[in-house]
C-alpha atoms as a PDB file:
ATOM      1  CA  GLN A   1     162.032 108.598 138.542  1.00  0.00           C
ATOM      2  CA  ALA A   2     160.195 111.065 137.023  1.00  0.00           C
ATOM      3  CA  LEU A   3     157.322 113.461 139.044  1.00  0.00           C
ATOM      4  CA  ALA A   4     154.250 114.820 137.079  1.00  0.00           C
ATOM      5  CA  PHE A   5     151.285 116.814 138.242  1.00  0.00           C
ATOM      6  CA  ALA A   6     148.405 117.244 136.064  1.00  0.00           C
ATOM      7  CA  GLY A   7     144.708 118.027 136.453  1.00  0.00           C
ATOM      8  CA  ASP A   8     141.466 116.215 135.826  1.00  0.00           C
ATOM      9  CA  GLY A   9     141.164 117.853 132.246  1.00  0.00           C
ATOM     10  CA  GLY A  10     144.579 116.483 131.222  1.00  0.00           C
ATOM     11  CA  THR A  11     144.655 113.535 132.803  1.00  0.00           C
ATOM     12  CA  PHE A  12     140.793 112.121 132.331  1.00  0.00           C
ATOM     13  CA  ASP A  13     140.474 113.915 128.780  1.00  0.00           C
ATOM     14  CA  ILE A  14     143.231 115.893 126.627  1.00  0.00           C
ATOM     15  CA  GLY A  15     146.324 113.578 128.212  1.00  0.00           C
ATOM     16  CA  LEU A  16     144.375 110.517 128.422  1.00  0.00           C
ATOM     17  CA  SER A  17     145.599 108.555 125.613  1.00  0.00           C
ATOM     18  CA  ALA A  18     149.857 109.861 126.862  1.00  0.00           C
ATOM     19  CA  LEU A  19     149.042 108.422 130.240  1.00  0.00           C
ATOM     20  CA  SER A  20     147.393 105.510 129.276  1.00  0.00           C
ATOM     21  CA  GLY A  21     150.936 104.645 126.754  1.00  0.00           C
ATOM     22  CA  VAL A  22     152.629 105.386 130.191  1.00  0.00           C
ATOM     23  CA  ALA A  23     151.369 102.779 132.063  1.00  0.00           C
ATOM     24  CA  LYS A  24     151.397 100.555 129.390  1.00  0.00           C
ATOM     25  CA  ASN A  25     155.091 100.551 129.321  1.00  0.00           C
ATOM     26  CA  ASN A  26     154.541 100.711 132.791  1.00  0.00           C
ATOM     27  CA  GLU A  27     157.290 103.678 132.653  1.00  0.00           C
ATOM     28  CA  ASP A  28     159.385 104.419 136.233  1.00  0.00           C
ATOM     29  CA  ILE A  29     157.298 108.027 136.888  1.00  0.00           C
ATOM     30  CA  LEU A  30     154.679 108.927 139.985  1.00  0.00           C
ATOM     31  CA  TYR A  31     152.101 111.003 137.937  1.00  0.00           C
ATOM     32  CA  VAL A  32     149.811 112.884 140.555  1.00  0.00           C
ATOM     33  CA  CYS A  33     146.670 113.940 139.020  1.00  0.00           C
ATOM     34  CA  LEU A  34     145.027 117.226 140.963  1.00  0.00           C
ATOM     35  CA  ASP A  35     141.300 116.755 140.458  1.00  0.00           C
ATOM     36  CA  ASN A  36     139.619 119.697 140.755  1.00  0.00           C
ATOM     37  CA  GLU A  37     136.158 118.842 138.389  1.00  0.00           C
ATOM     38  CA  ALA A  38     136.430 120.714 135.403  1.00  0.00           C
ATOM     39  CA  TYR A  39     138.505 123.006 133.636  1.00  0.00           C
ATOM     40  CA  MET A  40     139.434 125.846 136.077  1.00  0.00           C
ATOM     41  CA  ASN A  41     141.652 127.895 134.224  1.00  0.00           C
ATOM     42  CA  THR A  42     139.864 128.062 131.148  1.00  0.00           C
ATOM     43  CA  GLY A  43     136.654 129.292 132.649  1.00  0.00           C
ATOM     44  CA  ILE A  44     135.060 126.425 134.939  1.00  0.00           C
ATOM     45  CA  GLN A  45     134.364 124.380 131.756  1.00  0.00           C
ATOM     46  CA  VAL A  46     133.264 120.637 132.069  1.00  0.00           C
ATOM     47  CA  SER A  47     135.452 117.697 132.160  1.00  0.00           C
ATOM     48  CA  SER A  48     134.850 114.085 132.621  1.00  0.00           C
ATOM     49  CA  ALA A  49     136.021 114.119 136.588  1.00  0.00           C
ATOM     50  CA  THR A  50     133.027 116.842 137.041  1.00  0.00           C
ATOM     51  CA  PRO A  51     130.169 114.873 138.989  1.00  0.00           C
ATOM     52  CA  SER A  52     126.671 114.339 138.016  1.00  0.00           C
ATOM     53  CA  TYR A  53     124.592 117.386 138.519  1.00  0.00           C
ATOM     54  CA  ALA A  54     127.240 120.018 139.492  1.00  0.00           C
ATOM     55  CA  TRP A  55     127.401 123.365 137.719  1.00  0.00           C
ATOM     56  CA  THR A  56     129.830 124.432 135.576  1.00  0.00           C
ATOM     57  CA  GLY A  57     129.925 127.460 132.994  1.00  0.00           C
ATOM     58  CA  THR A  58     128.997 124.705 130.159  1.00  0.00           C
ATOM     59  CA  THR A  59     126.614 122.623 132.358  1.00  0.00           C
ATOM     60  CA  PRO A  60     124.968 125.717 134.145  1.00  0.00           C
ATOM     61  CA  ARG A  61     121.640 123.093 134.840  1.00  0.00           C
ATOM     62  CA  GLY A  62     123.494 121.075 136.055  1.00  0.00           C
ATOM     63  CA  ASN A  63     126.521 118.160 134.217  1.00  0.00           C
ATOM     64  CA  PRO A  64     124.464 114.873 132.762  1.00  0.00           C
ATOM     65  CA  ARG A  65     126.848 112.919 133.148  1.00  0.00           C
ATOM     66  CA  ARG A  66     128.564 110.899 136.003  1.00  0.00           C
ATOM     67  CA  LYS A  67     132.352 111.576 136.705  1.00  0.00           C
ATOM     68  CA  LYS A  68     134.709 109.193 134.882  1.00  0.00           C
ATOM     69  CA  ASN A  69     136.033 106.399 137.050  1.00  0.00           C
ATOM     70  CA  ILE A  70     139.873 107.118 136.577  1.00  0.00           C
ATOM     71  CA  MET A  71     140.821 104.264 139.045  1.00  0.00           C
ATOM     72  CA  GLU A  72     139.367 101.725 137.080  1.00  0.00           C
ATOM     73  CA  ILE A  73     141.065 102.592 133.990  1.00  0.00           C
ATOM     74  CA  MET A  74     144.955 102.806 136.136  1.00  0.00           C
ATOM     75  CA  ALA A  75     143.469  99.276 137.193  1.00  0.00           C
ATOM     76  CA  ALA A  76     143.098  98.172 133.902  1.00  0.00           C
ATOM     77  CA  HIS A  77     146.463  98.678 132.722  1.00  0.00           C
ATOM     78  CA  TYR A  78     147.649  96.601 136.143  1.00  0.00           C
ATOM     79  CA  ASN A  79     149.991  99.477 136.702  1.00  0.00           C
ATOM     80  CA  PRO A  80     151.821  98.797 139.901  1.00  0.00           C
ATOM     81  CA  TYR A  81     150.436 101.027 142.389  1.00  0.00           C
ATOM     82  CA  SER A  82     147.251 103.576 142.017  1.00  0.00           C
ATOM     83  CA  ALA A  83     145.847 105.426 145.211  1.00  0.00           C
ATOM     84  CA  THR A  84     142.986 108.472 145.975  1.00  0.00           C
ATOM     85  CA  ALA A  85     144.234 111.057 148.177  1.00  0.00           C
ATOM     86  CA  THR A  86     142.682 114.429 149.129  1.00  0.00           C
ATOM     87  CA  ILE A  87     144.353 117.498 151.560  1.00  0.00           C
ATOM     88  CA  GLY A  88     141.823 116.618 154.196  1.00  0.00           C
ATOM     89  CA  PHE A  89     144.585 113.171 155.282  1.00  0.00           C
ATOM     90  CA  PRO A  90     147.365 114.519 155.478  1.00  0.00           C
ATOM     91  CA  LYS A  91     149.247 111.837 156.852  1.00  0.00           C
ATOM     92  CA  ASP A  92     147.514 109.595 154.345  1.00  0.00           C
ATOM     93  CA  LEU A  93     148.574 111.262 151.155  1.00  0.00           C
ATOM     94  CA  GLN A  94     152.341 111.170 153.053  1.00  0.00           C
ATOM     95  CA  ARG A  95     152.360 107.383 153.445  1.00  0.00           C
ATOM     96  CA  LYS A  96     151.026 106.740 149.849  1.00  0.00           C
ATOM     97  CA  ILE A  97     153.793 109.209 148.418  1.00  0.00           C
ATOM     98  CA  GLU A  98     156.692 107.166 150.247  1.00  0.00           C
ATOM     99  CA  LYS A  99     155.167 104.351 149.484  1.00  0.00           C
ATOM    100  CA  ALA A 100     155.052 105.049 145.279  1.00  0.00           C
ATOM    101  CA  LYS A 101     158.167 106.638 145.496  1.00  0.00           C
ATOM    102  CA  GLY A 102     159.945 103.303 146.294  1.00  0.00           C
ATOM    103  CA  ILE A 103     157.951 100.988 144.082  1.00  0.00           C
ATOM    104  CA  ARG A 104     159.190 100.863 140.190  1.00  0.00           C
ATOM    105  CA  GLY A 105     157.254 101.747 137.202  1.00  0.00           C
ATOM    106  CA  THR A 106     153.820 103.726 136.790  1.00  0.00           C
ATOM    107  CA  LYS A 107     152.628 105.030 139.913  1.00  0.00           C
ATOM    108  CA  PHE A 108     149.226 107.721 139.705  1.00  0.00           C
ATOM    109  CA  ILE A 109     147.833 109.342 142.633  1.00  0.00           C
ATOM    110  CA  HIS A 110     144.631 110.219 142.508  1.00  0.00           C
ATOM    111  CA  MET A 111     143.979 113.447 144.428  1.00  0.00           C
ATOM    112  CA  LEU A 112     140.861 115.753 144.918  1.00  0.00           C
ATOM    113  CA  VAL A 113     141.885 119.239 145.364  1.00  0.00           C
ATOM    114  CA  PRO A 114     138.715 121.699 146.296  1.00  0.00           C
ATOM    115  CA  CYS A 115     138.794 124.805 143.968  1.00  0.00           C
ATOM    116  CA  PRO A 116     137.496 127.615 145.817  1.00  0.00           C
ATOM    117  CA  THR A 117     135.785 129.364 142.490  1.00  0.00           C
ATOM    118  CA  GLY A 118     134.749 126.405 140.912  1.00  0.00           C
ATOM    119  CA  TRP A 119     133.109 124.729 142.804  1.00  0.00           C
ATOM    120  CA  LYS A 120     131.689 128.302 144.545  1.00  0.00           C
ATOM    121  CA  THR A 121     132.853 128.063 148.354  1.00  0.00           C
ATOM    122  CA  ALA A 122     135.342 129.693 150.671  1.00  0.00           C
ATOM    123  CA  SER A 123     138.827 128.887 150.486  1.00  0.00           C
ATOM    124  CA  ASN A 124     139.442 127.801 153.871  1.00  0.00           C
ATOM    125  CA  LEU A 125     136.518 125.512 153.694  1.00  0.00           C
ATOM    126  CA  SER A 126     138.341 122.849 151.671  1.00  0.00           C
ATOM    127  CA  PRO A 127     140.200 120.944 154.331  1.00  0.00           C
ATOM    128  CA  GLU A 128     136.356 120.487 155.620  1.00  0.00           C
ATOM    129  CA  LEU A 129     135.590 119.295 152.076  1.00  0.00           C
ATOM    130  CA  SER A 130     138.128 116.849 151.639  1.00  0.00           C
ATOM    131  CA  ILE A 131     137.498 115.208 154.778  1.00  0.00           C
ATOM    132  CA  LEU A 132     133.820 115.292 154.194  1.00  0.00           C
ATOM    133  CA  ALA A 133     133.794 113.950 150.542  1.00  0.00           C
ATOM    134  CA  VAL A 134     135.550 110.715 151.827  1.00  0.00           C
ATOM    135  CA  GLU A 135     133.112 110.473 154.580  1.00  0.00           C
ATOM    136  CA  THR A 136     130.262 110.559 152.316  1.00  0.00           C
ATOM    137  CA  ASN A 137     131.694 107.627 150.299  1.00  0.00           C
ATOM    138  CA  ILE A 138     132.227 110.697 147.194  1.00  0.00           C
ATOM    139  CA  PHE A 139     135.456 109.870 147.733  1.00  0.00           C
ATOM    140  CA  PRO A 140     136.401 107.177 148.886  1.00  0.00           C
ATOM    141  CA  LEU A 141     140.515 106.717 150.195  1.00  0.00           C
ATOM    142  CA  TYR A 142     142.162 103.131 149.095  1.00  0.00           C
ATOM    143  CA  GLU A 143     144.845 102.003 146.606  1.00  0.00           C
ATOM    144  CA  VAL A 144     145.351  99.513 144.195  1.00  0.00           C
ATOM    145  CA  GLU A 145     148.299  97.437 143.199  1.00  0.00           C
ATOM    146  CA  ASP A 146     149.111  95.615 140.025  1.00  0.00           C
ATOM    147  CA  GLY A 147     145.433  96.361 138.760  1.00  0.00           C
ATOM    148  CA  LYS A 148     143.774  94.077 140.920  1.00  0.00           C
ATOM    149  CA  ARG A 149     144.819  94.168 144.982  1.00  0.00           C
ATOM    150  CA  TYR A 150     142.787  96.600 146.340  1.00  0.00           C
ATOM    151  CA  GLU A 151     143.159  97.615 149.717  1.00  0.00           C
ATOM    152  CA  ILE A 152     140.490 100.612 151.630  1.00  0.00           C
ATOM    153  CA  ASN A 153     142.734 103.242 154.151  1.00  0.00           C
ATOM    154  CA  HIS A 154     140.039 104.785 155.600  1.00  0.00           C
ATOM    155  CA  GLU A 155     136.973 103.319 157.166  1.00  0.00           C
ATOM    156  CA  PRO A 156     134.605 106.351 156.914  1.00  0.00           C
ATOM    157  CA  ARG A 157     131.063 107.594 159.008  1.00  0.00           C
ATOM    158  CA  ARG A 158     129.138 107.385 155.821  1.00  0.00           C
ATOM    159  CA  LEU A 159     127.570 110.662 156.632  1.00  0.00           C
ATOM    160  CA  PRO A 160     124.885 111.510 154.152  1.00  0.00           C
ATOM    161  CA  VAL A 161     125.849 112.782 150.739  1.00  0.00           C
ATOM    162  CA  GLU A 162     123.785 116.227 151.382  1.00  0.00           C
ATOM    163  CA  ALA A 163     126.638 117.248 154.281  1.00  0.00           C
ATOM    164  CA  TYR A 164     129.231 117.129 151.188  1.00  0.00           C
ATOM    165  CA  LEU A 165     127.130 118.600 148.098  1.00  0.00           C
ATOM    166  CA  LEU A 166     125.249 121.331 150.077  1.00  0.00           C
ATOM    167  CA  LYS A 167     128.437 123.874 151.399  1.00  0.00           C
ATOM    168  CA  GLN A 168     128.935 124.336 147.655  1.00  0.00           C
ATOM    169  CA  GLY A 169     127.316 126.833 145.128  1.00  0.00           C
ATOM    170  CA  ARG A 170     127.958 124.391 142.992  1.00  0.00           C
ATOM    171  CA  PHE A 171     125.048 121.981 143.989  1.00  0.00           C
ATOM    172  CA  ARG A 172     122.726 124.717 145.485  1.00  0.00           C
ATOM    173  CA  HIS A 173     120.132 123.999 142.574  1.00  0.00           C
ATOM    174  CA  LEU A 174     120.034 119.962 143.235  1.00  0.00           C
ATOM    175  CA  THR A 175     116.635 118.862 143.796  1.00  0.00           C
ATOM    176  CA  ARG A 176     115.498 116.154 146.424  1.00  0.00           C
ATOM    177  CA  ALA A 177     115.278 113.097 143.597  1.00  0.00           C
ATOM    178  CA  GLU A 178     118.734 114.514 142.296  1.00  0.00           C
ATOM    179  CA  ILE A 179     120.255 114.523 146.254  1.00  0.00           C
ATOM    180  CA  ALA A 180     119.139 111.014 146.184  1.00  0.00           C
ATOM    181  CA  ALA A 181     120.259 109.935 142.960  1.00  0.00           C
ATOM    182  CA  ILE A 182     123.614 111.255 144.381  1.00  0.00           C
ATOM    183  CA  GLN A 183     123.533 109.136 147.090  1.00  0.00           C
ATOM    184  CA  GLN A 184     122.642 106.008 145.815  1.00  0.00           C
ATOM    185  CA  GLU A 185     125.645 106.180 143.240  1.00  0.00           C
ATOM    186  CA  ALA A 186     127.933 107.394 146.685  1.00  0.00           C
ATOM    187  CA  ASP A 187     126.428 103.962 148.066  1.00  0.00           C
ATOM    188  CA  GLU A 188     126.662 101.289 144.832  1.00  0.00           C
ATOM    189  CA  GLY A 189     130.394 102.650 144.521  1.00  0.00           C
ATOM    190  CA  TRP A 190     131.085 102.015 147.975  1.00  0.00           C
ATOM    191  CA  GLU A 191     129.865  98.193 147.774  1.00  0.00           C
ATOM    192  CA  LYS A 192     131.497  97.531 144.300  1.00  0.00           C
ATOM    193  CA  LEU A 193     134.826  98.889 146.212  1.00  0.00           C
ATOM    194  CA  ARG A 194     134.327  96.804 149.671  1.00  0.00           C
ATOM    195  CA  LEU A 195     133.848  93.910 146.989  1.00  0.00           C
ATOM    196  CA  LEU A 196     136.869  94.845 145.257  1.00  0.00           C
ATOM    197  CA  ALA A 197     138.781  94.878 148.965  1.00  0.00           C
ATOM    198  CA  GLY A 198     137.572  91.404 149.697  1.00  0.00           C
ATOM    199  CA  ARG A 199     135.198  92.502 152.816  1.00  0.00           C
ATOM    200  CA  LYS A 200     131.176  91.880 153.033  1.00  0.00           C
ATOM    201  CA  GLY A 201     129.047  93.703 154.510  1.00  0.00           C
ATOM    202  CA  GLY A 202     127.730  97.266 154.257  1.00  0.00           C
END
């Protein structure tokens, strides 16, 4: 079994065709996407993993596009296992890695990884931001097996998105209307995920 680590640029953009080929052939690989939501190594340029309205060096007024849903792209390949994870929930991450190691075929871990420089935050806030991303439904924790069986791994507190956004310099320019739009995105995404996981109600 092979192990691969790549960033969001190499996963969502530059290397997506290679990842798609691996998943289509169901190669026995554990692929971990370390998603810091921009091209951080080359100057903090926007990637298709950059969320709505986020500042980057190439979107100084905020990213006008929504973040690509890489988990749905992987599910469309019907690969055996995909999961989201963050450093803020280490036991969940550990369990998912162990589970993936026991499965043959293409496994995908989408891991949100705060970048203090690109997110304009203090480095000691990274664990807190990872937790808040989950608790605000910006980044739900869930698994998808064979592209069709969805399981939510953590019931979020459903905090308002500004509890996450306003701790980051990349979002300090947001208007109330933009915060409301992000809140709507998070709410709609959560309801869609609940339906996919076979749950009803809020």
